[in-house]
Amino acid sequence: GGTVALPTADATGTIAMAAGSGTVALVSGTTPLTCKTAAECAAEARIVDLVGYGSAVVREGSGPAPTASATASVSRAASLADT
């Protein structure tokens, strides 16, 4: 852990994400997304970042990040690869 406090969150909540696979989108705005394929989401200008993990087909790049678990998170590496 670091020693610098995190800023206050813009929003908080509880989301039960599946460990096996899924897609997380960081968007600008509050209108729900309606895209259901990688191609549709690629054309969505409100998406700032899109990470698919496990067997997800909606994702950026050539493939999804590995499956998450109770001890392994999904993140973006410095190379911008989903890991």
PDB file of N, CA and C in Angstrom:
ATOM      1  N   GLY A   1       0.789  -1.182   0.000  1.00  0.00           N
ATOM      2  CA  GLY A   1       0.000   0.000   0.000  1.00  0.00           C
ATOM      3  C   GLY A   1       0.837   1.254   0.000  1.00  0.00           C
ATOM      4  N   GLY A   2       0.263   2.278  -0.564  1.00  0.00           N
ATOM      5  CA  GLY A   2       0.925   3.566  -0.605  1.00  0.00           C
ATOM      6  C   GLY A   2       0.682   4.375   0.648  1.00  0.00           C
ATOM      7  N   THR A   3       1.253   5.544   0.687  1.00  0.00           N
ATOM      8  CA  THR A   3       1.122   6.408   1.855  1.00  0.00           C
ATOM      9  C   THR A   3       0.305   7.653   1.567  1.00  0.00           C
ATOM     10  N   VAL A   4      -0.157   7.815   0.329  1.00  0.00           N
ATOM     11  CA  VAL A   4      -0.951   8.974  -0.043  1.00  0.00           C
ATOM     12  C   VAL A   4      -2.422   8.580  -0.023  1.00  0.00           C
ATOM     13  N   ALA A   5      -3.233   9.368   0.654  1.00  0.00           N
ATOM     14  CA  ALA A   5      -4.664   9.079   0.736  1.00  0.00           C
ATOM     15  C   ALA A   5      -5.320   9.231  -0.635  1.00  0.00           C
ATOM     16  N   LEU A   6      -6.287   8.374  -0.920  1.00  0.00           N
ATOM     17  CA  LEU A   6      -7.037   8.462  -2.165  1.00  0.00           C
ATOM     18  C   LEU A   6      -8.029   9.609  -2.086  1.00  0.00           C
ATOM     19  N   PRO A   7      -8.369  10.224  -3.229  1.00  0.00           N
ATOM     20  CA  PRO A   7      -9.371  11.291  -3.202  1.00  0.00           C
ATOM     21  C   PRO A   7     -10.751  10.711  -2.900  1.00  0.00           C
ATOM     22  N   THR A   8     -11.664  11.570  -2.512  1.00  0.00           N
ATOM     23  CA  THR A   8     -13.036  11.149  -2.258  1.00  0.00           C
ATOM     24  C   THR A   8     -13.650  10.640  -3.558  1.00  0.00           C
ATOM     25  N   ALA A   9     -14.343   9.518  -3.481  1.00  0.00           N
ATOM     26  CA  ALA A   9     -14.960   8.908  -4.666  1.00  0.00           C
ATOM     27  C   ALA A   9     -16.101   9.772  -5.185  1.00  0.00           C
ATOM     28  N   ASP A  10     -16.283   9.788  -6.516  1.00  0.00           N
ATOM     29  CA  ASP A  10     -17.416  10.481  -7.124  1.00  0.00           C
ATOM     30  C   ASP A  10     -18.714   9.734  -6.835  1.00  0.00           C
ATOM     31  N   ALA A  11     -18.621   8.413  -6.782  1.00  0.00           N
ATOM     32  CA  ALA A  11     -19.785   7.569  -6.517  1.00  0.00           C
ATOM     33  C   ALA A  11     -19.304   6.285  -5.875  1.00  0.00           C
ATOM     34  N   THR A  12     -20.147   5.699  -5.070  1.00  0.00           N
ATOM     35  CA  THR A  12     -19.830   4.412  -4.465  1.00  0.00           C
ATOM     36  C   THR A  12     -21.041   3.505  -4.585  1.00  0.00           C
ATOM     37  N   GLY A  13     -20.832   2.226  -4.408  1.00  0.00           N
ATOM     38  CA  GLY A  13     -21.933   1.280  -4.478  1.00  0.00           C
ATOM     39  C   GLY A  13     -21.417  -0.129  -4.315  1.00  0.00           C
ATOM     40  N   THR A  14     -22.307  -1.061  -4.427  1.00  0.00           N
ATOM     41  CA  THR A  14     -21.928  -2.466  -4.345  1.00  0.00           C
ATOM     42  C   THR A  14     -22.313  -3.146  -5.645  1.00  0.00           C
ATOM     43  N   ILE A  15     -21.345  -3.758  -6.266  1.00  0.00           N
ATOM     44  CA  ILE A  15     -21.567  -4.487  -7.511  1.00  0.00           C
ATOM     45  C   ILE A  15     -20.992  -5.875  -7.317  1.00  0.00           C
ATOM     46  N   ALA A  16     -21.808  -6.878  -7.502  1.00  0.00           N
ATOM     47  CA  ALA A  16     -21.344  -8.259  -7.390  1.00  0.00           C
ATOM     48  C   ALA A  16     -20.854  -8.709  -8.769  1.00  0.00           C
ATOM     49  N   MET A  17     -19.553  -8.529  -9.017  1.00  0.00           N
ATOM     50  CA  MET A  17     -18.981  -8.913 -10.309  1.00  0.00           C
ATOM     51  C   MET A  17     -18.681 -10.402 -10.314  1.00  0.00           C
ATOM     52  N   ALA A  18     -18.957 -11.047 -11.430  1.00  0.00           N
ATOM     53  CA  ALA A  18     -18.641 -12.464 -11.583  1.00  0.00           C
ATOM     54  C   ALA A  18     -17.133 -12.646 -11.640  1.00  0.00           C
ATOM     55  N   ALA A  19     -16.624 -13.662 -10.973  1.00  0.00           N
ATOM     56  CA  ALA A  19     -15.185 -13.925 -10.998  1.00  0.00           C
ATOM     57  C   ALA A  19     -14.765 -14.577 -12.303  1.00  0.00           C
ATOM     58  N   GLY A  20     -15.629 -15.354 -12.928  1.00  0.00           N
ATOM     59  CA  GLY A  20     -15.265 -16.126 -14.115  1.00  0.00           C
ATOM     60  C   GLY A  20     -15.061 -15.310 -15.368  1.00  0.00           C
ATOM     61  N   SER A  21     -15.948 -14.364 -15.635  1.00  0.00           N
ATOM     62  CA  SER A  21     -15.801 -13.520 -16.817  1.00  0.00           C
ATOM     63  C   SER A  21     -16.747 -12.337 -16.709  1.00  0.00           C
ATOM     64  N   GLY A  22     -16.414 -11.291 -17.453  1.00  0.00           N
ATOM     65  CA  GLY A  22     -17.257 -10.110 -17.469  1.00  0.00           C
ATOM     66  C   GLY A  22     -16.579  -8.970 -18.194  1.00  0.00           C
ATOM     67  N   THR A  23     -17.275  -7.867 -18.293  1.00  0.00           N
ATOM     68  CA  THR A  23     -16.758  -6.668 -18.940  1.00  0.00           C
ATOM     69  C   THR A  23     -17.027  -5.480 -18.029  1.00  0.00           C
ATOM     70  N   VAL A  24     -16.033  -4.622 -17.887  1.00  0.00           N
ATOM     71  CA  VAL A  24     -16.170  -3.404 -17.089  1.00  0.00           C
ATOM     72  C   VAL A  24     -15.901  -2.226 -18.015  1.00  0.00           C
ATOM     73  N   ALA A  25     -16.818  -1.275 -18.029  1.00  0.00           N
ATOM     74  CA  ALA A  25     -16.665  -0.086 -18.864  1.00  0.00           C
ATOM     75  C   ALA A  25     -16.581   1.148 -17.981  1.00  0.00           C
ATOM     76  N   LEU A  26     -15.591   1.973 -18.231  1.00  0.00           N
ATOM     77  CA  LEU A  26     -15.487   3.290 -17.608  1.00  0.00           C
ATOM     78  C   LEU A  26     -16.039   4.267 -18.634  1.00  0.00           C
ATOM     79  N   VAL A  27     -17.101   4.970 -18.280  1.00  0.00           N
ATOM     80  CA  VAL A  27     -17.768   5.837 -19.251  1.00  0.00           C
ATOM     81  C   VAL A  27     -17.837   7.269 -18.748  1.00  0.00           C
ATOM     82  N   SER A  28     -17.994   8.189 -19.680  1.00  0.00           N
ATOM     83  CA  SER A  28     -18.249   9.580 -19.315  1.00  0.00           C
ATOM     84  C   SER A  28     -19.756   9.788 -19.426  1.00  0.00           C
ATOM     85  N   GLY A  29     -20.369  10.211 -18.346  1.00  0.00           N
ATOM     86  CA  GLY A  29     -21.812  10.402 -18.337  1.00  0.00           C
ATOM     87  C   GLY A  29     -22.508   9.355 -17.494  1.00  0.00           C
ATOM     88  N   THR A  30     -23.822   9.481 -17.414  1.00  0.00           N
ATOM     89  CA  THR A  30     -24.612   8.578 -16.576  1.00  0.00           C
ATOM     90  C   THR A  30     -25.643   7.772 -17.351  1.00  0.00           C
ATOM     91  N   THR A  31     -25.747   7.985 -18.649  1.00  0.00           N
ATOM     92  CA  THR A  31     -26.694   7.229 -19.465  1.00  0.00           C
ATOM     93  C   THR A  31     -26.184   5.807 -19.642  1.00  0.00           C
ATOM     94  N   PRO A  32     -27.020   4.797 -19.371  1.00  0.00           N
ATOM     95  CA  PRO A  32     -26.568   3.405 -19.513  1.00  0.00           C
ATOM     96  C   PRO A  32     -26.127   3.083 -20.944  1.00  0.00           C
ATOM     97  N   LEU A  33     -25.136   2.220 -21.055  1.00  0.00           N
ATOM     98  CA  LEU A  33     -24.684   1.749 -22.368  1.00  0.00           C
ATOM     99  C   LEU A  33     -25.689   0.748 -22.924  1.00  0.00           C
ATOM    100  N   THR A  34     -25.786   0.699 -24.249  1.00  0.00           N
ATOM    101  CA  THR A  34     -26.650  -0.292 -24.895  1.00  0.00           C
ATOM    102  C   THR A  34     -25.862  -1.203 -25.824  1.00  0.00           C
ATOM    103  N   CYS A  35     -24.563  -0.968 -25.991  1.00  0.00           N
ATOM    104  CA  CYS A  35     -23.762  -1.800 -26.891  1.00  0.00           C
ATOM    105  C   CYS A  35     -23.639  -3.209 -26.316  1.00  0.00           C
ATOM    106  N   LYS A  36     -23.680  -4.211 -27.204  1.00  0.00           N
ATOM    107  CA  LYS A  36     -23.635  -5.607 -26.767  1.00  0.00           C
ATOM    108  C   LYS A  36     -22.546  -6.415 -27.443  1.00  0.00           C
ATOM    109  N   THR A  37     -21.794  -5.793 -28.339  1.00  0.00           N
ATOM    110  CA  THR A  37     -20.686  -6.477 -29.005  1.00  0.00           C
ATOM    111  C   THR A  37     -19.448  -5.593 -28.926  1.00  0.00           C
ATOM    112  N   ALA A  38     -18.284  -6.190 -29.161  1.00  0.00           N
ATOM    113  CA  ALA A  38     -17.043  -5.415 -29.149  1.00  0.00           C
ATOM    114  C   ALA A  38     -17.087  -4.316 -30.206  1.00  0.00           C
ATOM    115  N   ALA A  39     -17.640  -4.616 -31.382  1.00  0.00           N
ATOM    116  CA  ALA A  39     -17.714  -3.626 -32.458  1.00  0.00           C
ATOM    117  C   ALA A  39     -18.641  -2.473 -32.085  1.00  0.00           C
ATOM    118  N   GLU A  40     -19.797  -2.785 -31.502  1.00  0.00           N
ATOM    119  CA  GLU A  40     -20.720  -1.727 -31.085  1.00  0.00           C
ATOM    120  C   GLU A  40     -20.090  -0.849 -30.008  1.00  0.00           C
ATOM    121  N   CYS A  41     -19.423  -1.462 -29.048  1.00  0.00           N
ATOM    122  CA  CYS A  41     -18.801  -0.696 -27.965  1.00  0.00           C
ATOM    123  C   CYS A  41     -17.621   0.128 -28.467  1.00  0.00           C
ATOM    124  N   ALA A  42     -16.908  -0.355 -29.484  1.00  0.00           N
ATOM    125  CA  ALA A  42     -15.788   0.403 -30.056  1.00  0.00           C
ATOM    126  C   ALA A  42     -16.279   1.705 -30.685  1.00  0.00           C
ATOM    127  N   ALA A  43     -17.518   1.711 -31.159  1.00  0.00           N
ATOM    128  CA  ALA A  43     -18.083   2.905 -31.781  1.00  0.00           C
ATOM    129  C   ALA A  43     -18.734   3.845 -30.765  1.00  0.00           C
ATOM    130  N   GLU A  44     -18.791   3.441 -29.508  1.00  0.00           N
ATOM    131  CA  GLU A  44     -19.434   4.241 -28.458  1.00  0.00           C
ATOM    132  C   GLU A  44     -18.448   5.272 -27.913  1.00  0.00           C
ATOM    133  N   ALA A  45     -18.679   6.535 -28.234  1.00  0.00           N
ATOM    134  CA  ALA A  45     -17.749   7.613 -27.861  1.00  0.00           C
ATOM    135  C   ALA A  45     -17.680   7.853 -26.357  1.00  0.00           C
ATOM    136  N   ARG A  46     -18.696   7.450 -25.601  1.00  0.00           N
ATOM    137  CA  ARG A  46     -18.694   7.698 -24.152  1.00  0.00           C
ATOM    138  C   ARG A  46     -17.791   6.740 -23.386  1.00  0.00           C
ATOM    139  N   ILE A  47     -17.343   5.661 -24.019  1.00  0.00           N
ATOM    140  CA  ILE A  47     -16.487   4.701 -23.326  1.00  0.00           C
ATOM    141  C   ILE A  47     -15.068   5.248 -23.258  1.00  0.00           C
ATOM    142  N   VAL A  48     -14.571   5.423 -22.032  1.00  0.00           N
ATOM    143  CA  VAL A  48     -13.211   5.891 -21.795  1.00  0.00           C
ATOM    144  C   VAL A  48     -12.257   4.703 -21.779  1.00  0.00           C
ATOM    145  N   ASP A  49     -12.677   3.605 -21.166  1.00  0.00           N
ATOM    146  CA  ASP A  49     -11.874   2.384 -21.106  1.00  0.00           C
ATOM    147  C   ASP A  49     -12.824   1.203 -21.005  1.00  0.00           C
ATOM    148  N   LEU A  50     -12.411   0.081 -21.566  1.00  0.00           N
ATOM    149  CA  LEU A  50     -13.236  -1.121 -21.594  1.00  0.00           C
ATOM    150  C   LEU A  50     -12.331  -2.314 -21.353  1.00  0.00           C
ATOM    151  N   VAL A  51     -12.627  -3.078 -20.310  1.00  0.00           N
ATOM    152  CA  VAL A  51     -11.812  -4.243 -19.970  1.00  0.00           C
ATOM    153  C   VAL A  51     -12.707  -5.466 -19.902  1.00  0.00           C
ATOM    154  N   GLY A  52     -12.396  -6.457 -20.716  1.00  0.00           N
ATOM    155  CA  GLY A  52     -13.067  -7.745 -20.624  1.00  0.00           C
ATOM    156  C   GLY A  52     -12.122  -8.723 -19.957  1.00  0.00           C
ATOM    157  N   TYR A  53     -12.661  -9.622 -19.128  1.00  0.00           N
ATOM    158  CA  TYR A  53     -11.812 -10.605 -18.454  1.00  0.00           C
ATOM    159  C   TYR A  53     -12.455 -11.981 -18.535  1.00  0.00           C
ATOM    160  N   GLY A  54     -11.619 -12.999 -18.356  1.00  0.00           N
ATOM    161  CA  GLY A  54     -12.117 -14.374 -18.470  1.00  0.00           C
ATOM    162  C   GLY A  54     -12.488 -14.682 -19.909  1.00  0.00           C
ATOM    163  N   SER A  55     -13.697 -15.175 -20.133  1.00  0.00           N
ATOM    164  CA  SER A  55     -14.130 -15.536 -21.490  1.00  0.00           C
ATOM    165  C   SER A  55     -14.958 -14.439 -22.148  1.00  0.00           C
ATOM    166  N   ALA A  56     -14.873 -13.215 -21.664  1.00  0.00           N
ATOM    167  CA  ALA A  56     -15.668 -12.103 -22.197  1.00  0.00           C
ATOM    168  C   ALA A  56     -15.368 -11.856 -23.667  1.00  0.00           C
ATOM    169  N   VAL A  57     -16.423 -11.619 -24.448  1.00  0.00           N
ATOM    170  CA  VAL A  57     -16.238 -11.293 -25.860  1.00  0.00           C
ATOM    171  C   VAL A  57     -16.306  -9.788 -26.101  1.00  0.00           C
ATOM    172  N   VAL A  58     -16.874  -9.026 -25.171  1.00  0.00           N
ATOM    173  CA  VAL A  58     -16.885  -7.568 -25.283  1.00  0.00           C
ATOM    174  C   VAL A  58     -15.666  -7.057 -24.527  1.00  0.00           C
ATOM    175  N   ARG A  59     -14.697  -6.530 -25.290  1.00  0.00           N
ATOM    176  CA  ARG A  59     -13.420  -6.105 -24.727  1.00  0.00           C
ATOM    177  C   ARG A  59     -12.690  -5.260 -25.758  1.00  0.00           C
ATOM    178  N   GLU A  60     -11.619  -4.618 -25.325  1.00  0.00           N
ATOM    179  CA  GLU A  60     -10.713  -3.931 -26.245  1.00  0.00           C
ATOM    180  C   GLU A  60      -9.528  -4.844 -26.502  1.00  0.00           C
ATOM    181  N   GLY A  61      -8.863  -4.637 -27.609  1.00  0.00           N
ATOM    182  CA  GLY A  61      -7.631  -5.378 -27.872  1.00  0.00           C
ATOM    183  C   GLY A  61      -7.862  -6.761 -28.440  1.00  0.00           C
ATOM    184  N   SER A  62      -6.800  -7.557 -28.402  1.00  0.00           N
ATOM    185  CA  SER A  62      -6.824  -8.864 -29.059  1.00  0.00           C
ATOM    186  C   SER A  62      -7.419  -9.969 -28.212  1.00  0.00           C
ATOM    187  N   GLY A  63      -7.604  -9.742 -26.934  1.00  0.00           N
ATOM    188  CA  GLY A  63      -8.168 -10.784 -26.088  1.00  0.00           C
ATOM    189  C   GLY A  63      -8.453 -10.268 -24.702  1.00  0.00           C
ATOM    190  N   PRO A  64      -9.249 -11.019 -23.943  1.00  0.00           N
ATOM    191  CA  PRO A  64      -9.583 -10.578 -22.594  1.00  0.00           C
ATOM    192  C   PRO A  64      -8.430 -10.767 -21.623  1.00  0.00           C
ATOM    193  N   ALA A  65      -8.518 -10.082 -20.500  1.00  0.00           N
ATOM    194  CA  ALA A  65      -7.575 -10.292 -19.398  1.00  0.00           C
ATOM    195  C   ALA A  65      -7.856 -11.663 -18.786  1.00  0.00           C
ATOM    196  N   PRO A  66      -6.906 -12.220 -18.045  1.00  0.00           N
ATOM    197  CA  PRO A  66      -7.151 -13.508 -17.389  1.00  0.00           C
ATOM    198  C   PRO A  66      -8.329 -13.421 -16.415  1.00  0.00           C
ATOM    199  N   THR A  67      -8.848 -14.565 -16.039  1.00  0.00           N
ATOM    200  CA  THR A  67      -9.952 -14.649 -15.091  1.00  0.00           C
ATOM    201  C   THR A  67      -9.546 -14.082 -13.732  1.00  0.00           C
ATOM    202  N   ALA A  68     -10.457 -13.367 -13.101  1.00  0.00           N
ATOM    203  CA  ALA A  68     -10.225 -12.839 -11.757  1.00  0.00           C
ATOM    204  C   ALA A  68     -10.526 -13.926 -10.724  1.00  0.00           C
ATOM    205  N   SER A  69     -10.084 -13.702  -9.504  1.00  0.00           N
ATOM    206  CA  SER A  69     -10.390 -14.626  -8.405  1.00  0.00           C
ATOM    207  C   SER A  69     -10.397 -13.842  -7.101  1.00  0.00           C
ATOM    208  N   ALA A  70     -10.567 -14.542  -5.999  1.00  0.00           N
ATOM    209  CA  ALA A  70     -10.564 -13.879  -4.694  1.00  0.00           C
ATOM    210  C   ALA A  70      -9.209 -13.258  -4.374  1.00  0.00           C
ATOM    211  N   THR A  71      -8.145 -13.739  -5.025  1.00  0.00           N
ATOM    212  CA  THR A  71      -6.802 -13.220  -4.750  1.00  0.00           C
ATOM    213  C   THR A  71      -6.132 -12.594  -5.969  1.00  0.00           C
ATOM    214  N   ALA A  72      -6.805 -12.556  -7.119  1.00  0.00           N
ATOM    215  CA  ALA A  72      -6.223 -11.994  -8.344  1.00  0.00           C
ATOM    216  C   ALA A  72      -7.203 -10.998  -8.958  1.00  0.00           C
ATOM    217  N   SER A  73      -6.759  -9.765  -9.135  1.00  0.00           N
ATOM    218  CA  SER A  73      -7.614  -8.730  -9.704  1.00  0.00           C
ATOM    219  C   SER A  73      -7.382  -8.596 -11.200  1.00  0.00           C
ATOM    220  N   VAL A  74      -8.230  -7.831 -11.844  1.00  0.00           N
ATOM    221  CA  VAL A  74      -8.079  -7.488 -13.251  1.00  0.00           C
ATOM    222  C   VAL A  74      -7.632  -6.036 -13.284  1.00  0.00           C
ATOM    223  N   SER A  75      -6.586  -5.734 -14.040  1.00  0.00           N
ATOM    224  CA  SER A  75      -6.082  -4.366 -14.086  1.00  0.00           C
ATOM    225  C   SER A  75      -5.475  -4.071 -15.445  1.00  0.00           C
ATOM    226  N   ARG A  76      -5.096  -2.818 -15.635  1.00  0.00           N
ATOM    227  CA  ARG A  76      -4.454  -2.383 -16.876  1.00  0.00           C
ATOM    228  C   ARG A  76      -2.980  -2.172 -16.565  1.00  0.00           C
ATOM    229  N   ALA A  77      -2.104  -2.842 -17.306  1.00  0.00           N
ATOM    230  CA  ALA A  77      -0.659  -2.713 -17.120  1.00  0.00           C
ATOM    231  C   ALA A  77      -0.172  -1.395 -17.725  1.00  0.00           C
ATOM    232  N   ALA A  78       1.034  -1.002 -17.406  1.00  0.00           N
ATOM    233  CA  ALA A  78       1.616   0.223 -17.958  1.00  0.00           C
ATOM    234  C   ALA A  78       1.665   0.176 -19.480  1.00  0.00           C
ATOM    235  N   SER A  79       1.745  -1.034 -20.045  1.00  0.00           N
ATOM    236  CA  SER A  79       1.770  -1.195 -21.501  1.00  0.00           C
ATOM    237  C   SER A  79       0.381  -1.073 -22.109  1.00  0.00           C
ATOM    238  N   LEU A  80      -0.639  -0.821 -21.278  1.00  0.00           N
ATOM    239  CA  LEU A  80      -2.048  -0.723 -21.654  1.00  0.00           C
ATOM    240  C   LEU A  80      -2.681  -2.075 -21.951  1.00  0.00           C
ATOM    241  N   ALA A  81      -1.984  -3.170 -21.658  1.00  0.00           N
ATOM    242  CA  ALA A  81      -2.560  -4.505 -21.826  1.00  0.00           C
ATOM    243  C   ALA A  81      -3.442  -4.817 -20.631  1.00  0.00           C
ATOM    244  N   ASP A  82      -4.567  -5.485 -20.881  1.00  0.00           N
ATOM    245  CA  ASP A  82      -5.435  -5.923 -19.795  1.00  0.00           C
ATOM    246  C   ASP A  82      -4.790  -7.127 -19.134  1.00  0.00           C
ATOM    247  N   THR A  83      -4.585  -7.071 -17.818  1.00  0.00           N
ATOM    248  CA  THR A  83      -3.925  -8.173 -17.111  1.00  0.00           C
ATOM    249  C   THR A  83      -4.732  -8.611 -15.905  1.00  0.00           C
TER     250      THR A  83
END
